[in-house]
Amino acid sequence: MAMGNPASPTADGLAAVAAEIVCCAALLARVADAVAALSCEAARWDSAAAFDAPASGYSTKDQADVAADLKMLLRGPRLAGSREAGGASANSFADVPSVNGNFRQAVRALDLDAGQGKEDVLMLLATQFATSAHFMCKMSVDRARFCAGSIADARLREELAVAGIDVGDLKGTLAELMADSDAVSVLWRVHEQLLKLRGCLAWEAAVAMAAIETAHSTIQKPRASAEGNSSVSMLLRDHVTDGKDDPGVSSATVEDWRTKAIVAVRSQAS
């Protein structure tokens, strides 16, 4: 996600910055669905029960589309068994269609008005966009922590539990946005929020991969076995491990995977 410093006060400059943000955000919206699917697999979440509701069961088409995407991504054999999630952890999985669908809506709303370059409208839409991105970050971190908790290696589990990203609270995020009096500064804050979201998703993906890899190590099944081979996990694993069959998992490994995930998203956005 390569973005310059949005510092032009003109209407054309505002529109250009907003358009660039929309382009990057649209990519992150797709990545977020794939990463959430990976966490569902790592957590052994019952996705069939969570995402099989008919389209009419969702508030918007975007939410229904996210649920359909998740079902497609999770097709194929996955890790056996299940693990109960309660409270905030349960919501971070079950609410993926709602939260990710709302983010898609926020991206589209900003896209529709980006070309007009109207400062007051952009500031309003940017605030709504930042709110949606904040919830995406929070849910991503919650899922990562839950997946980390499933790792059998106590040392690795504890190291990952205290790592990650500080999302902050929504009140603080909005206060920072509202402290700026012009659209240029607000859009720059939105850009920072997107960078935070990218980091959250990369960390979530790395932790989910660690949970899946350690699960395979614990049950001593070969990578070619049926379990834990959903299309999304196989694709991401091949990318971050460079095709190695036995990468081993440590906190350093997870950090390396996180870095590679960020680079992969950045390269697609350029």
Protein backbone atom coordinates (compact mmCIF):
# COMPACT_ATOMS: atom_id res chain seq x y z
CA MET A 1 0.00 0.00 0.00
CA ALA A 2 2.13 2.81 -1.28
CA MET A 3 0.65 6.19 -0.62
CA GLY A 4 2.20 9.59 -0.83
CA ASN A 5 1.63 12.43 1.60
CA PRO A 6 -1.88 13.78 0.90
CA ALA A 7 -1.13 17.46 1.19
CA SER A 8 -2.98 19.15 -1.66
CA PRO A 9 -5.76 21.53 -0.57
CA THR A 10 -7.41 21.65 -4.00
CA ALA A 11 -10.62 19.81 -4.89
CA ASP A 12 -8.71 17.73 -7.43
CA GLY A 13 -6.09 16.92 -4.81
CA LEU A 14 -8.73 15.80 -2.31
CA ALA A 15 -10.41 13.64 -4.93
CA ALA A 16 -7.09 12.05 -5.89
CA VAL A 17 -6.21 11.22 -2.29
CA ALA A 18 -9.67 9.83 -1.61
CA ALA A 19 -9.48 7.71 -4.77
CA GLU A 20 -6.11 6.28 -3.73
CA ILE A 21 -7.46 5.44 -0.29
CA VAL A 22 -10.46 3.71 -1.88
CA CYS A 23 -8.16 1.64 -4.12
CA CYS A 24 -6.10 0.45 -1.15
CA ALA A 25 -9.17 -0.12 1.02
CA ALA A 26 -10.91 -2.20 -1.65
CA LEU A 27 -7.91 -4.53 -1.70
CA LEU A 28 -7.90 -4.77 2.10
CA ALA A 29 -11.61 -5.64 2.04
CA ARG A 30 -10.84 -8.71 -0.06
CA VAL A 31 -7.81 -9.61 2.04
CA ALA A 32 -9.85 -9.28 5.24
CA ASP A 33 -12.30 -11.95 4.10
CA ALA A 34 -9.48 -14.37 3.27
CA VAL A 35 -7.70 -13.76 6.59
CA ALA A 36 -10.92 -14.18 8.56
CA ALA A 37 -11.48 -17.49 6.77
CA LEU A 38 -7.97 -18.57 7.74
CA SER A 39 -8.69 -17.74 11.39
CA CYS A 40 -11.96 -19.71 11.20
CA GLU A 41 -9.94 -22.71 10.10
CA ALA A 42 -7.25 -22.21 12.74
CA ALA A 43 -9.88 -21.81 15.46
CA ARG A 44 -11.89 -24.77 14.10
CA TRP A 45 -14.88 -22.46 14.04
CA ASP A 46 -18.17 -24.02 12.88
CA SER A 47 -18.43 -21.89 9.78
CA ALA A 48 -21.22 -23.99 8.30
CA ALA A 49 -23.56 -22.97 11.10
CA ALA A 50 -22.32 -19.37 11.17
CA PHE A 51 -22.31 -18.50 7.47
CA ASP A 52 -24.99 -20.71 5.91
CA ALA A 53 -27.83 -18.29 6.54
CA PRO A 54 -29.76 -17.34 3.38
CA ALA A 55 -28.99 -13.97 1.82
CA SER A 56 -32.27 -12.67 3.20
CA GLY A 57 -30.91 -13.27 6.69
CA TYR A 58 -28.41 -10.43 6.33
CA SER A 59 -29.13 -6.72 6.55
CA THR A 60 -27.33 -5.78 3.33
CA LYS A 61 -26.13 -7.40 0.13
CA ASP A 62 -22.53 -6.69 1.16
CA GLN A 63 -22.97 -8.75 4.32
CA ALA A 64 -24.50 -11.62 2.35
CA ASP A 65 -21.65 -11.42 -0.18
CA VAL A 66 -19.03 -11.64 2.59
CA ALA A 67 -20.74 -14.73 4.04
CA ALA A 68 -20.80 -16.32 0.58
CA ASP A 69 -17.10 -15.52 0.09
CA LEU A 70 -16.24 -17.08 3.44
CA LYS A 71 -18.09 -20.28 2.58
CA MET A 72 -16.23 -20.50 -0.71
CA LEU A 73 -12.84 -19.85 0.92
CA LEU A 74 -13.48 -22.50 3.56
CA ARG A 75 -14.46 -25.22 1.12
CA GLY A 76 -12.37 -28.36 1.34
CA PRO A 77 -11.04 -30.44 4.25
CA ARG A 78 -10.08 -28.56 7.36
CA LEU A 79 -8.74 -29.34 10.82
CA ALA A 80 -10.95 -31.80 12.67
CA GLY A 81 -12.65 -30.98 15.94
CA SER A 82 -14.06 -27.75 17.27
CA ARG A 83 -13.26 -25.19 19.93
CA GLU A 84 -15.86 -23.14 21.73
CA ALA A 85 -15.51 -19.37 21.67
CA GLY A 86 -17.49 -17.17 23.98
CA GLY A 87 -18.14 -13.48 24.47
CA ALA A 88 -16.07 -11.11 22.37
CA SER A 89 -14.18 -14.00 20.77
CA ALA A 90 -17.41 -15.57 19.48
CA ASN A 91 -18.53 -12.23 18.08
CA SER A 92 -15.23 -11.71 16.28
CA PHE A 93 -16.00 -14.80 14.20
CA ALA A 94 -19.78 -14.72 13.91
CA ASP A 95 -19.86 -11.01 13.07
CA VAL A 96 -17.42 -11.19 10.16
CA PRO A 97 -20.18 -10.82 7.52
CA SER A 98 -21.62 -7.82 9.33
CA VAL A 99 -18.34 -6.00 10.10
CA ASN A 100 -16.61 -6.78 6.80
CA GLY A 101 -19.80 -6.05 4.86
CA ASN A 102 -20.11 -2.66 6.53
CA PHE A 103 -16.51 -1.92 5.60
CA ARG A 104 -17.30 -2.69 1.97
CA GLN A 105 -20.19 -0.24 2.15
CA ALA A 106 -17.97 2.46 3.64
CA VAL A 107 -15.41 1.95 0.87
CA ARG A 108 -18.07 2.20 -1.81
CA ALA A 109 -19.61 5.33 -0.28
CA LEU A 110 -16.23 7.05 -0.22
CA ASP A 111 -15.61 5.92 -3.79
CA LEU A 112 -18.90 7.36 -5.06
CA ASP A 113 -18.13 10.81 -3.66
CA ALA A 114 -14.37 10.84 -4.13
CA GLY A 115 -14.57 12.35 -7.60
CA GLN A 116 -16.55 15.36 -6.41
CA GLY A 117 -13.88 16.52 -3.99
CA LYS A 118 -16.39 18.24 -1.70
CA GLU A 119 -14.58 18.82 1.56
CA ASP A 120 -17.53 18.61 3.96
CA VAL A 121 -18.86 15.43 2.35
CA LEU A 122 -15.44 13.81 2.31
CA MET A 123 -14.91 14.59 5.98
CA LEU A 124 -18.23 12.96 6.90
CA LEU A 125 -17.58 9.86 4.79
CA ALA A 126 -14.01 9.63 6.02
CA THR A 127 -15.22 9.60 9.61
CA GLN A 128 -17.68 6.79 8.85
CA PHE A 129 -14.94 4.95 7.00
CA ALA A 130 -12.51 5.25 9.91
CA THR A 131 -15.17 3.93 12.29
CA SER A 132 -15.69 0.86 10.15
CA ALA A 133 -11.94 0.30 9.80
CA HIS A 134 -11.55 0.54 13.60
CA PHE A 135 -14.04 -2.29 14.13
CA MET A 136 -12.25 -4.34 11.48
CA CYS A 137 -9.00 -3.90 13.43
CA LYS A 138 -10.60 -4.82 16.74
CA MET A 139 -12.22 -7.98 15.39
CA SER A 140 -9.00 -9.01 13.67
CA VAL A 141 -6.97 -8.68 16.87
CA ASP A 142 -9.63 -10.57 18.87
CA ARG A 143 -9.52 -13.46 16.38
CA ALA A 144 -5.72 -13.52 16.43
CA ARG A 145 -5.68 -13.73 20.23
CA PHE A 146 -8.22 -16.54 20.20
CA CYS A 147 -6.18 -18.48 17.63
CA ALA A 148 -3.02 -17.92 19.68
CA GLY A 149 -4.81 -19.44 22.65
CA SER A 150 -5.25 -22.71 20.75
CA ILE A 151 -1.51 -23.28 20.35
CA ALA A 152 -0.28 -26.19 22.45
CA ASP A 153 3.25 -24.83 22.93
CA ALA A 154 2.88 -22.84 26.15
CA ARG A 155 5.88 -20.60 25.51
CA LEU A 156 4.81 -19.69 21.98
CA ARG A 157 1.23 -19.21 23.14
CA GLU A 158 2.30 -16.77 25.86
CA GLU A 159 4.62 -14.86 23.53
CA LEU A 160 1.89 -14.37 20.94
CA ALA A 161 -0.67 -13.45 23.59
CA VAL A 162 1.27 -10.34 24.59
CA ALA A 163 2.32 -9.41 21.05
CA GLY A 164 0.20 -7.93 18.30
CA ILE A 165 -1.16 -4.44 17.75
CA ASP A 166 -2.73 -1.91 20.08
CA VAL A 167 -5.99 -0.96 18.36
CA GLY A 168 -7.01 1.68 20.87
CA ASP A 169 -10.64 2.64 21.42
CA LEU A 170 -13.13 4.08 18.98
CA LYS A 171 -13.57 7.25 21.03
CA GLY A 172 -9.87 8.01 20.76
CA THR A 173 -9.83 7.26 17.04
CA LEU A 174 -12.72 9.61 16.34
CA ALA A 175 -11.30 12.28 18.64
CA GLU A 176 -8.11 12.32 16.57
CA LEU A 177 -10.14 12.66 13.38
CA MET A 178 -12.36 15.45 14.70
CA ALA A 179 -9.35 17.35 16.02
CA ASP A 180 -8.45 18.08 12.40
CA SER A 181 -10.37 20.92 10.76
CA ASP A 182 -9.67 20.20 7.10
CA ALA A 183 -10.27 17.28 4.77
CA VAL A 184 -6.58 16.84 3.94
CA SER A 185 -5.70 16.12 7.57
CA VAL A 186 -8.76 13.89 8.01
CA LEU A 187 -7.85 11.83 4.95
CA TRP A 188 -4.31 11.50 6.26
CA ARG A 189 -5.74 10.09 9.50
CA VAL A 190 -7.81 7.66 7.45
CA HIS A 191 -4.65 6.61 5.64
CA GLU A 192 -3.02 5.88 9.00
CA GLN A 193 -6.06 3.83 9.99
CA LEU A 194 -5.68 1.78 6.82
CA LEU A 195 -2.04 1.11 7.63
CA LYS A 196 -3.10 -0.09 11.07
CA LEU A 197 -5.74 -2.36 9.51
CA ARG A 198 -3.15 -3.81 7.16
CA GLY A 199 -0.89 -4.54 10.12
CA CYS A 200 -3.73 -6.17 12.07
CA LEU A 201 -4.66 -8.43 9.17
CA ALA A 202 -1.03 -9.43 8.59
CA TRP A 203 -0.63 -10.29 12.27
CA GLU A 204 -3.88 -12.25 12.32
CA ALA A 205 -2.84 -14.23 9.24
CA ALA A 206 0.56 -15.06 10.75
CA VAL A 207 -0.95 -16.21 14.07
CA ALA A 208 -3.60 -18.28 12.30
CA MET A 209 -0.89 -19.94 10.21
CA ALA A 210 1.07 -20.68 13.39
CA ALA A 211 -2.00 -22.28 14.98
CA ILE A 212 -2.59 -24.46 11.92
CA GLU A 213 1.07 -25.48 11.61
CA THR A 214 1.42 -26.36 15.28
CA ALA A 215 -1.81 -28.35 15.13
CA HIS A 216 -0.35 -30.42 12.29
CA SER A 217 2.88 -30.86 14.25
CA THR A 218 0.98 -31.99 17.35
CA ILE A 219 -1.11 -34.61 15.56
CA GLN A 220 1.88 -35.52 13.32
CA LYS A 221 -0.08 -35.57 10.09
CA PRO A 222 1.68 -34.94 6.77
CA ARG A 223 0.88 -31.74 4.89
CA ALA A 224 -0.70 -33.78 2.11
CA SER A 225 -3.30 -35.22 4.51
CA ALA A 226 -6.92 -34.23 4.22
CA GLU A 227 -7.15 -32.16 7.37
CA GLY A 228 -6.25 -28.48 7.45
CA ASN A 229 -5.94 -28.10 3.70
CA SER A 230 -8.62 -25.57 2.79
CA SER A 231 -7.78 -23.59 -0.33
CA VAL A 232 -7.06 -20.39 1.58
CA SER A 233 -4.66 -22.01 4.05
CA MET A 234 -2.75 -23.84 1.32
CA LEU A 235 -2.37 -20.68 -0.77
CA LEU A 236 -1.21 -18.49 2.11
CA ARG A 237 1.07 -21.15 3.54
CA ASP A 238 2.89 -21.62 0.23
CA HIS A 239 3.45 -17.87 0.01
CA VAL A 240 4.76 -17.16 3.51
CA THR A 241 6.81 -20.36 3.89
CA ASP A 242 8.36 -20.20 0.41
CA GLY A 243 7.09 -23.71 -0.22
CA LYS A 244 9.06 -25.31 2.64
CA ASP A 245 7.43 -28.44 4.05
CA ASP A 246 8.57 -28.04 7.64
CA PRO A 247 9.20 -24.38 8.51
CA GLY A 248 9.03 -24.85 12.27
CA VAL A 249 7.09 -22.34 14.34
CA SER A 250 8.45 -19.80 16.81
CA SER A 251 7.67 -16.21 17.66
CA ALA A 252 10.40 -15.19 15.18
CA THR A 253 8.74 -17.35 12.51
CA VAL A 254 5.40 -15.68 13.12
CA GLU A 255 6.99 -12.23 12.88
CA ASP A 256 8.61 -13.23 9.59
CA TRP A 257 5.25 -14.42 8.26
CA ARG A 258 3.65 -11.15 9.36
CA THR A 259 6.27 -9.17 7.43
CA LYS A 260 5.78 -11.29 4.32
CA ALA A 261 2.01 -10.85 4.54
CA ILE A 262 2.43 -7.07 4.66
CA VAL A 263 4.77 -7.14 1.67
CA ALA A 264 2.29 -9.29 -0.28
CA VAL A 265 -0.56 -6.84 0.32
CA ARG A 266 1.63 -3.85 -0.49
CA SER A 267 2.82 -5.39 -3.77
CA GLN A 268 -0.76 -6.03 -4.91
CA ALA A 269 -1.75 -2.46 -4.05
CA SER A 270 1.08 -0.92 -6.08
